N, C-alpha and C. Protein backbone atom coordinates (compact mmCIF):
# COMPACT_ATOMS: atom_id res chain seq x y z
N UNK A 1 -21.26 -22.51 -3.42
CA UNK A 1 -19.89 -21.87 -2.99
C UNK A 1 -19.23 -20.52 -2.61
N UNK A 2 -18.52 -20.36 -1.94
CA UNK A 2 -18.33 -18.99 -1.36
C UNK A 2 -16.69 -18.90 -2.38
N UNK A 3 -16.36 -17.48 -2.71
CA UNK A 3 -15.35 -17.30 -3.56
C UNK A 3 -15.03 -15.90 -2.68
N UNK A 4 -13.48 -15.93 -2.56
CA UNK A 4 -12.49 -15.19 -1.87
C UNK A 4 -11.68 -14.57 -2.88
N UNK A 5 -11.08 -13.41 -2.99
CA UNK A 5 -10.38 -12.98 -3.83
C UNK A 5 -8.91 -12.30 -3.38
N UNK A 6 -8.29 -12.66 -3.33
CA UNK A 6 -6.67 -12.47 -2.72
C UNK A 6 -5.60 -11.46 -3.56
N UNK A 7 -5.62 -10.11 -2.91
CA UNK A 7 -4.87 -8.94 -3.46
C UNK A 7 -3.55 -8.70 -3.10
N UNK A 8 -2.45 -9.36 -4.05
CA UNK A 8 -1.57 -9.08 -3.24
C UNK A 8 -0.29 -7.53 -3.22
N UNK A 9 -0.74 -7.40 -4.69
CA UNK A 9 -0.41 -6.33 -5.23
C UNK A 9 -1.14 -5.12 -5.92
N UNK A 10 -1.55 -4.37 -5.02
CA UNK A 10 -2.49 -3.36 -5.68
C UNK A 10 -3.06 -2.03 -4.75
N UNK A 11 -4.03 -1.19 -5.16
CA UNK A 11 -3.50 -0.18 -4.08
C UNK A 11 -4.17 -0.30 -2.84
N UNK A 12 -5.16 -1.49 -2.54
CA UNK A 12 -4.55 -1.98 -1.15
C UNK A 12 -4.53 -3.14 -0.94
N UNK A 13 -4.44 -3.97 -0.32
CA UNK A 13 -3.69 -5.88 0.05
C UNK A 13 -4.70 -6.15 0.49
N UNK A 14 -4.93 -7.02 0.75
CA UNK A 14 -6.04 -8.22 1.11
C UNK A 14 -6.55 -8.95 0.95
N UNK A 15 -7.57 -9.55 1.19
CA UNK A 15 -8.79 -10.48 1.02
C UNK A 15 -10.33 -10.11 0.84
N UNK A 16 -10.63 -10.33 -0.20
CA UNK A 16 -11.89 -9.64 -0.60
C UNK A 16 -13.01 -10.71 -0.57
N UNK A 17 -14.30 -10.58 -0.41
CA UNK A 17 -15.01 -11.59 -0.91
C UNK A 17 -16.07 -10.71 -2.28
N UNK A 18 -16.24 -9.76 -2.28
CA UNK A 18 -16.96 -9.29 -3.19
C UNK A 18 -15.94 -8.92 -4.50
N UNK A 19 -16.00 -9.15 -5.68
CA UNK A 19 -15.16 -9.27 -7.02
C UNK A 19 -15.02 -7.95 -7.49
N UNK A 20 -16.35 -7.20 -7.11
CA UNK A 20 -16.47 -5.86 -7.33
C UNK A 20 -15.20 -4.78 -6.78
N UNK A 21 -15.29 -5.08 -5.25
CA UNK A 21 -14.13 -4.51 -3.89
C UNK A 21 -12.67 -5.03 -4.96
N UNK A 22 -12.71 -6.42 -4.91
CA UNK A 22 -11.19 -6.61 -5.37
C UNK A 22 -10.90 -5.91 -6.94
N UNK A 23 -11.55 -6.21 -7.55
CA UNK A 23 -11.51 -5.28 -9.05
C UNK A 23 -11.24 -3.57 -8.82
N UNK A 24 -11.72 -2.75 -7.68
CA UNK A 24 -11.43 -1.24 -7.70
C UNK A 24 -10.02 -1.50 -6.80
N UNK A 25 -9.42 -2.39 -6.63
CA UNK A 25 -8.20 -2.34 -6.14
C UNK A 25 -6.82 -2.79 -7.32
N UNK A 26 -7.09 -3.53 -8.21
CA UNK A 26 -6.17 -3.87 -8.96
C UNK A 26 -6.42 -2.94 -10.89
N UNK A 27 -7.89 -2.22 -10.72
CA UNK A 27 -7.80 -1.41 -11.89
C UNK A 27 -7.40 -0.42 -12.14
N UNK A 28 -6.83 0.24 -12.81
CA UNK A 28 -5.40 0.64 -13.45
C UNK A 28 -4.10 0.76 -12.34
N UNK A 29 -4.20 -0.34 -11.67
CA UNK A 29 -2.37 -0.61 -10.74
C UNK A 29 -1.25 -1.21 -12.05
N UNK A 30 -0.63 -0.78 -11.78
CA UNK A 30 0.40 -1.17 -12.92
C UNK A 30 0.59 -2.87 -11.76
N UNK A 31 0.73 -4.06 -13.19
CA UNK A 31 1.18 -5.40 -12.41
C UNK A 31 0.96 -5.70 -11.51
N UNK A 32 -0.73 -5.72 -11.37
CA UNK A 32 -1.78 -5.99 -9.76
C UNK A 32 -1.04 -7.83 -10.18
N UNK A 33 -1.15 -8.13 -8.79
CA UNK A 33 -1.01 -9.29 -8.12
C UNK A 33 -2.62 -9.98 -7.72
N UNK A 34 -3.19 -10.79 -8.59
CA UNK A 34 -4.42 -11.36 -7.42
C UNK A 34 -4.95 -12.68 -7.79
N UNK A 35 -5.82 -13.47 -7.48
CA UNK A 35 -6.04 -14.61 -7.52
C UNK A 35 -7.21 -15.00 -6.72
N UNK A 36 -8.12 -15.76 -7.22
CA UNK A 36 -9.85 -16.54 -6.65
C UNK A 36 -9.14 -17.64 -5.70
N UNK A 37 -9.46 -17.86 -5.03
CA UNK A 37 -9.74 -18.98 -4.27
C UNK A 37 -10.88 -19.28 -3.57
N UNK A 38 -11.19 -20.65 -3.25
CA UNK A 38 -12.78 -21.26 -2.83
C UNK A 38 -12.09 -21.26 -1.25
N UNK A 39 -11.17 -20.90 -0.45
CA UNK A 39 -11.73 -20.47 1.04
C UNK A 39 -10.49 -19.37 1.33
N UNK A 40 -11.02 -18.17 2.83
CA UNK A 40 -10.43 -17.44 2.67
C UNK A 40 -9.00 -17.95 3.22
N UNK A 41 -9.05 -18.88 3.81
CA UNK A 41 -7.39 -19.31 4.56
C UNK A 41 -6.63 -19.13 3.19
N UNK A 42 -7.18 -19.69 1.67
CA UNK A 42 -5.98 -20.08 1.05
C UNK A 42 -5.62 -18.60 0.45
N UNK A 43 -7.01 -17.80 0.91
CA UNK A 43 -6.58 -16.56 -0.41
C UNK A 43 -5.76 -15.73 0.65
N UNK A 44 -5.66 -15.61 2.02
CA UNK A 44 -4.90 -14.99 2.93
C UNK A 44 -3.63 -15.93 2.83
N UNK A 45 -3.20 -17.13 2.81
CA UNK A 45 -2.08 -17.33 2.73
C UNK A 45 -1.19 -16.95 1.25
N UNK A 46 -1.98 -16.73 0.54
CA UNK A 46 -1.41 -16.11 -1.15
C UNK A 46 -1.08 -15.24 -0.80
N UNK A 47 -1.93 -14.09 -0.19
CA UNK A 47 -1.33 -12.41 -0.14
C UNK A 47 -0.38 -12.37 0.75
N UNK A 48 -0.31 -13.12 2.04
CA UNK A 48 0.65 -13.27 3.21
C UNK A 48 2.31 -13.39 2.80
N UNK A 49 2.22 -14.25 1.44
CA UNK A 49 3.06 -14.85 0.90
C UNK A 49 4.01 -14.07 -0.17
N UNK A 50 3.22 -12.82 -0.50
CA UNK A 50 3.74 -12.05 -1.29
C UNK A 50 3.67 -10.54 -0.31
N UNK A 51 3.58 -10.25 0.79
CA UNK A 51 3.66 -8.93 1.56
C UNK A 51 5.08 -8.88 1.14
N UNK A 52 5.21 -7.29 0.93
CA UNK A 52 6.47 -6.59 0.68
C UNK A 52 7.38 -6.90 2.41
N UNK A 53 8.45 -6.56 1.59
CA UNK A 53 9.21 -7.19 2.56
C UNK A 53 9.64 -5.57 3.70
N UNK A 54 9.79 -4.94 4.95
CA UNK A 54 9.61 -4.05 5.78
C UNK A 54 11.43 -3.36 5.39
N UNK A 55 11.49 -2.43 5.04
CA UNK A 55 12.55 -1.58 4.99
C UNK A 55 12.88 -0.30 5.35
N UNK A 56 13.83 0.27 5.12
CA UNK A 56 14.20 1.41 5.87
C UNK A 56 14.93 2.10 4.82
N UNK A 57 14.29 3.23 4.26
CA UNK A 57 15.00 3.97 3.34
C UNK A 57 15.34 5.20 3.75
N UNK A 58 16.33 5.27 2.21
CA UNK A 58 17.23 6.49 2.39
C UNK A 58 17.45 6.89 0.75
N UNK A 59 17.06 7.94 0.44
CA UNK A 59 17.54 8.36 -0.68
C UNK A 59 18.60 9.36 -1.20
N UNK A 60 19.63 9.15 -2.00
CA UNK A 60 20.52 9.65 -2.67
C UNK A 60 20.61 11.36 -3.02
N UNK A 61 21.38 12.11 -3.16
CA UNK A 61 21.12 13.32 -2.95
C UNK A 61 21.33 13.46 -4.63
N UNK A 62 19.98 14.45 -4.95
CA UNK A 62 20.11 14.40 -6.38
C UNK A 62 21.07 15.37 -6.93
N UNK A 63 21.87 14.48 -7.37
CA UNK A 63 22.91 15.16 -8.31
C UNK A 63 22.88 14.05 -9.63
N UNK A 64 21.86 13.45 -9.60
CA UNK A 64 22.12 12.03 -10.43
C UNK A 64 21.42 12.69 -11.64
N UNK A 65 21.63 12.06 -13.45
CA UNK A 65 20.54 12.70 -14.09
C UNK A 65 19.41 11.37 -13.97
N UNK A 66 19.67 10.44 -13.91
CA UNK A 66 18.52 9.16 -14.30
C UNK A 66 18.73 8.20 -12.38
N UNK A 67 17.24 7.99 -12.30
CA UNK A 67 16.64 7.53 -11.03
C UNK A 67 16.13 6.38 -10.94
N UNK A 68 16.11 5.62 -10.14
CA UNK A 68 14.96 4.26 -10.12
C UNK A 68 14.79 3.55 -9.37
N UNK A 69 12.80 4.11 -9.26
CA UNK A 69 12.57 3.66 -8.04
C UNK A 69 12.11 1.89 -8.04
N UNK A 70 11.81 1.44 -7.42
CA UNK A 70 11.71 0.03 -7.20
C UNK A 70 10.26 -0.15 -6.18
N UNK A 71 9.31 -0.31 -6.75
CA UNK A 71 8.41 -0.19 -5.74
C UNK A 71 8.30 -2.13 -5.04
N UNK A 72 8.28 -2.69 -5.90
CA UNK A 72 8.40 -4.29 -5.80
C UNK A 72 9.50 -5.22 -6.26
N UNK A 73 10.39 -5.63 -5.12
CA UNK A 73 11.23 -6.36 -5.77
C UNK A 73 11.91 -6.98 -4.09
N UNK A 74 13.21 -7.56 -4.39
CA UNK A 74 13.56 -8.28 -2.98
C UNK A 74 14.11 -6.79 -2.40
N UNK A 75 14.29 -5.78 -2.95
CA UNK A 75 14.77 -4.51 -2.37
C UNK A 75 14.29 -3.67 -2.80
N UNK A 76 13.44 -2.78 -2.01
CA UNK A 76 12.71 -1.39 -2.83
C UNK A 76 13.05 -0.25 -2.28
N UNK A 77 12.67 0.82 -3.10
CA UNK A 77 13.61 2.05 -2.82
C UNK A 77 13.99 2.65 -3.64
N UNK A 78 14.79 4.06 -4.17
CA UNK A 78 15.45 4.60 -4.95
C UNK A 78 16.40 4.36 -4.91
N UNK A 79 16.72 4.59 -6.74
CA UNK A 79 18.19 3.70 -6.91
C UNK A 79 19.04 4.68 -8.20
N UNK A 80 20.67 4.72 -7.91
CA UNK A 80 20.85 5.54 -8.98
C UNK A 80 21.76 5.00 -9.94
N UNK A 81 21.79 3.62 -9.85
CA UNK A 81 22.43 2.24 -10.51
C UNK A 81 21.74 1.29 -11.18
N UNK A 82 21.52 1.12 -12.46
CA UNK A 82 20.77 0.46 -13.14
C UNK A 82 21.30 -1.36 -12.20
N UNK A 83 22.61 -1.37 -12.14
CA UNK A 83 22.95 -2.69 -11.75
C UNK A 83 22.38 -3.52 -10.68
N UNK A 84 22.33 -2.36 -10.00
CA UNK A 84 21.72 -2.75 -8.76
C UNK A 84 20.28 -2.72 -8.59
N UNK A 85 19.34 -1.88 -9.69
CA UNK A 85 18.37 -2.29 -9.80
C UNK A 85 18.23 -3.57 -10.25
N UNK A 86 18.70 -4.72 -10.73
CA UNK A 86 18.86 -5.59 -11.71
C UNK A 86 19.02 -6.63 -10.48
N UNK A 87 19.81 -6.78 -9.96
CA UNK A 87 19.96 -7.68 -8.67
C UNK A 87 18.58 -7.66 -7.93
N UNK A 88 18.16 -6.12 -7.32
CA UNK A 88 17.41 -5.83 -6.24
C UNK A 88 15.79 -6.78 -6.58
N UNK A 89 15.69 -6.68 -8.19
CA UNK A 89 14.56 -7.53 -8.86
C UNK A 89 14.89 -8.50 -9.10
N UNK A 90 15.63 -9.30 -9.27
CA UNK A 90 16.33 -10.53 -9.85
C UNK A 90 15.05 -11.45 -9.00
N UNK A 91 14.59 -12.86 -10.09
CA UNK A 91 13.91 -13.77 -9.62
C UNK A 91 12.49 -13.41 -8.69
N UNK A 92 12.29 -11.55 -8.83
CA UNK A 92 11.10 -11.41 -7.90
C UNK A 92 9.79 -11.51 -9.25
N UNK A 93 8.48 -12.06 -8.46
CA UNK A 93 7.45 -12.12 -9.29
C UNK A 93 6.73 -11.05 -9.37
N UNK A 94 6.70 -10.46 -10.44
CA UNK A 94 6.19 -9.22 -11.45
C UNK A 94 6.81 -8.25 -10.54
N UNK A 95 8.17 -8.01 -10.49
CA UNK A 95 8.76 -6.59 -9.95
C UNK A 95 8.18 -5.39 -10.96
N UNK A 96 8.02 -4.54 -10.04
CA UNK A 96 7.74 -2.89 -10.71
C UNK A 96 8.57 -1.78 -10.11
N UNK A 97 8.95 -1.85 -11.42
CA UNK A 97 10.12 -0.43 -11.12
C UNK A 97 9.90 0.66 -12.41
N UNK A 98 10.75 1.65 -12.30
CA UNK A 98 10.55 2.91 -12.98
C UNK A 98 11.78 3.72 -13.59
N UNK A 99 12.61 3.46 -14.32
CA UNK A 99 13.57 5.01 -14.77
C UNK A 99 12.87 6.16 -15.02
N UNK A 100 13.23 6.98 -14.26
CA UNK A 100 12.98 8.49 -13.95
C UNK A 100 14.02 9.74 -14.32
N UNK A 101 13.67 11.06 -14.23
CA UNK A 101 14.35 11.78 -14.59
C UNK A 101 14.86 12.41 -13.32
N UNK A 102 14.32 13.04 -12.26
CA UNK A 102 14.44 13.52 -11.10
C UNK A 102 14.11 12.65 -9.76
N UNK A 103 14.71 13.44 -8.67
CA UNK A 103 14.76 12.54 -7.64
C UNK A 103 13.29 12.62 -7.17
N UNK A 104 12.34 13.79 -7.37
CA UNK A 104 11.18 13.44 -6.81
C UNK A 104 9.92 13.03 -7.74
N UNK A 105 10.66 12.62 -8.57
CA UNK A 105 9.46 11.67 -9.42
C UNK A 105 10.34 10.62 -9.48
N UNK A 106 11.08 10.16 -9.23
CA UNK A 106 10.76 8.94 -8.49
C UNK A 106 10.46 9.04 -6.93
N UNK A 107 10.77 9.53 -6.38
CA UNK A 107 9.54 9.38 -5.02
C UNK A 107 8.37 9.24 -4.88
N UNK A 108 7.98 9.80 -5.60
CA UNK A 108 6.04 10.28 -6.18
C UNK A 108 5.99 9.15 -6.29
N UNK A 109 6.33 8.13 -7.52
CA UNK A 109 6.10 6.86 -7.96
C UNK A 109 6.51 5.89 -7.02
N UNK A 110 7.26 5.83 -6.30
CA UNK A 110 7.78 4.61 -5.28
C UNK A 110 6.53 5.21 -4.05
N UNK A 111 6.33 6.25 -3.59
CA UNK A 111 5.16 6.35 -2.56
C UNK A 111 3.62 5.93 -3.45
N UNK A 112 3.28 5.82 -4.94
CA UNK A 112 2.24 5.96 -5.30
C UNK A 112 1.83 4.26 -5.53
N UNK A 113 3.10 3.31 -5.59
CA UNK A 113 2.76 2.58 -6.12
C UNK A 113 3.71 1.25 -4.77
N UNK A 114 4.27 1.53 -3.81
CA UNK A 114 4.88 0.76 -3.01
C UNK A 114 3.48 0.53 -2.09
N UNK A 115 2.99 -0.67 -1.65
CA UNK A 115 1.90 -1.44 -0.78
C UNK A 115 2.38 -1.70 0.22
N UNK A 116 3.22 -0.95 1.02
CA UNK A 116 3.72 -1.56 2.63
C UNK A 116 3.15 -0.97 3.58
N UNK A 117 1.78 -0.80 3.08
CA UNK A 117 0.91 0.63 3.91
C UNK A 117 0.56 -0.36 5.04
N UNK A 118 0.51 -1.37 5.13
CA UNK A 118 -0.38 -1.80 6.67
C UNK A 118 0.76 -1.79 7.60
N UNK A 119 2.60 -1.99 7.25
CA UNK A 119 3.29 -1.43 8.59
C UNK A 119 3.51 -0.15 9.01
N UNK A 120 3.81 0.42 7.81
CA UNK A 120 4.01 2.22 7.98
C UNK A 120 3.34 2.79 7.50
N UNK A 121 1.97 2.27 6.58
CA UNK A 121 0.93 3.34 6.74
C UNK A 121 0.83 4.14 5.61
N UNK A 122 2.14 3.75 4.84
CA UNK A 122 2.67 4.38 3.80
C UNK A 122 3.22 5.31 3.81
N UNK A 123 4.01 5.28 4.88
CA UNK A 123 4.83 6.84 5.12
C UNK A 123 6.47 5.90 5.22
N UNK A 124 6.95 7.05 4.34
CA UNK A 124 8.14 6.58 4.07
C UNK A 124 8.94 7.89 4.50
N UNK A 125 10.09 7.64 5.11
CA UNK A 125 11.30 9.23 5.67
C UNK A 125 12.26 9.54 4.63
N UNK A 126 12.41 10.39 4.04
CA UNK A 126 13.69 10.70 3.45
C UNK A 126 14.63 11.40 4.18
N UNK A 127 15.74 10.60 3.94
CA UNK A 127 16.68 11.48 4.79
C UNK A 127 18.10 11.38 3.77
N UNK A 128 19.13 12.66 4.46
CA UNK A 128 19.90 12.77 3.08
C UNK A 128 21.14 12.72 3.83
N UNK A 129 22.11 12.30 2.86
CA UNK A 129 23.26 12.04 3.40
C UNK A 129 24.86 12.80 3.18
N UNK A 130 25.32 13.83 3.65
CA UNK A 130 25.77 14.81 3.63
C UNK A 130 27.11 13.72 2.27
N UNK A 131 27.18 14.79 1.10
CA UNK A 131 28.33 14.25 0.23
C UNK A 131 29.53 14.94 0.63
N UNK A 132 30.67 14.67 0.39
CA UNK A 132 31.81 14.75 0.74
C UNK A 132 32.09 15.83 -0.31
N UNK A 133 32.01 15.75 -1.48
CA UNK A 133 32.47 16.31 -2.70
C UNK A 133 31.47 17.69 -3.35
N UNK A 134 30.19 17.52 -2.69
CA UNK A 134 29.19 18.86 -2.63
C UNK A 134 28.92 19.37 -1.79
N UNK A 135 29.10 20.74 -1.92
CA UNK A 135 28.91 21.98 -0.61
C UNK A 135 27.58 21.63 -0.50
N UNK A 136 27.01 22.30 0.54
CA UNK A 136 25.85 22.67 0.76
C UNK A 136 25.26 23.55 -0.37
N UNK A 137 25.87 24.92 -0.59
CA UNK A 137 25.37 25.66 -1.56
C UNK A 137 25.20 25.17 -2.93
N UNK A 138 25.71 24.67 -3.19
CA UNK A 138 26.10 23.87 -4.85
C UNK A 138 24.42 22.81 -4.80
N UNK A 139 24.50 21.98 -3.74
CA UNK A 139 23.48 20.73 -3.49
C UNK A 139 21.92 21.81 -3.57
N UNK A 140 22.41 22.80 -2.80
CA UNK A 140 20.57 23.67 -2.67
C UNK A 140 20.80 24.05 -4.31
N UNK A 141 21.12 24.46 -4.80
CA UNK A 141 21.09 25.44 -6.22
C UNK A 141 20.71 24.11 -7.01
N UNK A 142 21.50 23.23 -7.28
CA UNK A 142 20.99 22.06 -7.92
C UNK A 142 19.69 21.49 -7.50
N UNK A 143 19.07 21.56 -6.37
CA UNK A 143 17.87 21.19 -6.33
C UNK A 143 16.71 22.22 -6.79
N UNK A 144 16.98 23.50 -6.50
CA UNK A 144 16.29 24.67 -7.17
C UNK A 144 16.47 24.72 -8.41
N UNK A 145 17.26 24.40 -9.21
CA UNK A 145 17.43 24.15 -10.61
C UNK A 145 16.52 23.04 -11.35
N UNK A 146 16.23 21.95 -10.65
CA UNK A 146 15.81 20.99 -10.97
C UNK A 146 14.22 21.08 -10.71
N UNK A 147 14.14 21.88 -9.74
CA UNK A 147 12.52 22.10 -9.56
C UNK A 147 12.34 23.54 -10.72
N UNK A 148 13.00 24.22 -10.67
CA UNK A 148 12.79 24.91 -12.04
C UNK A 148 12.39 24.76 -13.34
N UNK A 149 13.47 23.54 -13.67
CA UNK A 149 12.92 22.44 -15.16
C UNK A 149 11.63 21.66 -14.78
N UNK A 150 11.42 21.40 -13.63
CA UNK A 150 10.18 20.65 -13.35
C UNK A 150 8.74 21.50 -13.92
N UNK A 151 9.31 22.63 -13.34
CA UNK A 151 7.85 23.61 -13.61
C UNK A 151 7.73 24.27 -15.03
N UNK A 152 9.08 24.46 -15.95
CA UNK A 152 9.17 24.87 -17.47
C UNK A 152 8.62 23.34 -18.14
N UNK A 153 9.16 22.43 -17.51
CA UNK A 153 8.51 21.13 -18.79
C UNK A 153 6.72 20.96 -18.57
N UNK A 154 6.57 21.66 -17.24
CA UNK A 154 4.70 21.72 -16.77
C UNK A 154 4.46 22.21 -17.62
N UNK A 155 4.95 23.83 -17.66
CA UNK A 155 4.30 24.85 -18.43
C UNK A 155 4.41 24.81 -20.08
N UNK A 156 5.12 24.11 -20.78
CA UNK A 156 5.65 23.44 -22.08
C UNK A 156 4.54 22.63 -22.63
N UNK A 157 3.73 21.65 -21.48
CA UNK A 157 3.06 21.11 -21.80
C UNK A 157 1.90 21.39 -21.80
N UNK A 158 1.18 22.08 -21.16
CA UNK A 158 -0.13 22.69 -21.18
C UNK A 158 0.03 23.88 -22.43
């Protein structure tokens, strides 16, 4: 009897015929979604039904103290409002999201765990919108300060 393993959320999505290959995709992946099937058709249907929606992302200006990255949900991306995050993950099976302190960390987390690689080969473009309140010089100095703070934290950890 043949066995097929459907990996819906893992490092690589798909149907695998060897457990060792499927296991590589789910080991150390947060909240993996996978299942064993007796037919390839059932496994493919399982994976297809859990396919992430294709979305266009834009990222907010780095002026907030807290960011939320949603890698698996009804709507995915980087957000600054947790109430919006709760709506975007509501009723989604095994949502994957995390609270982070910098925009760069949130973007990195999103890129690491968003598995829409089949559509856009994992490429997510960052677009910035002009803020009416902030002048470009202030935004740039804020970004520089955030990067320096991150470097300092890394030095302290060593």
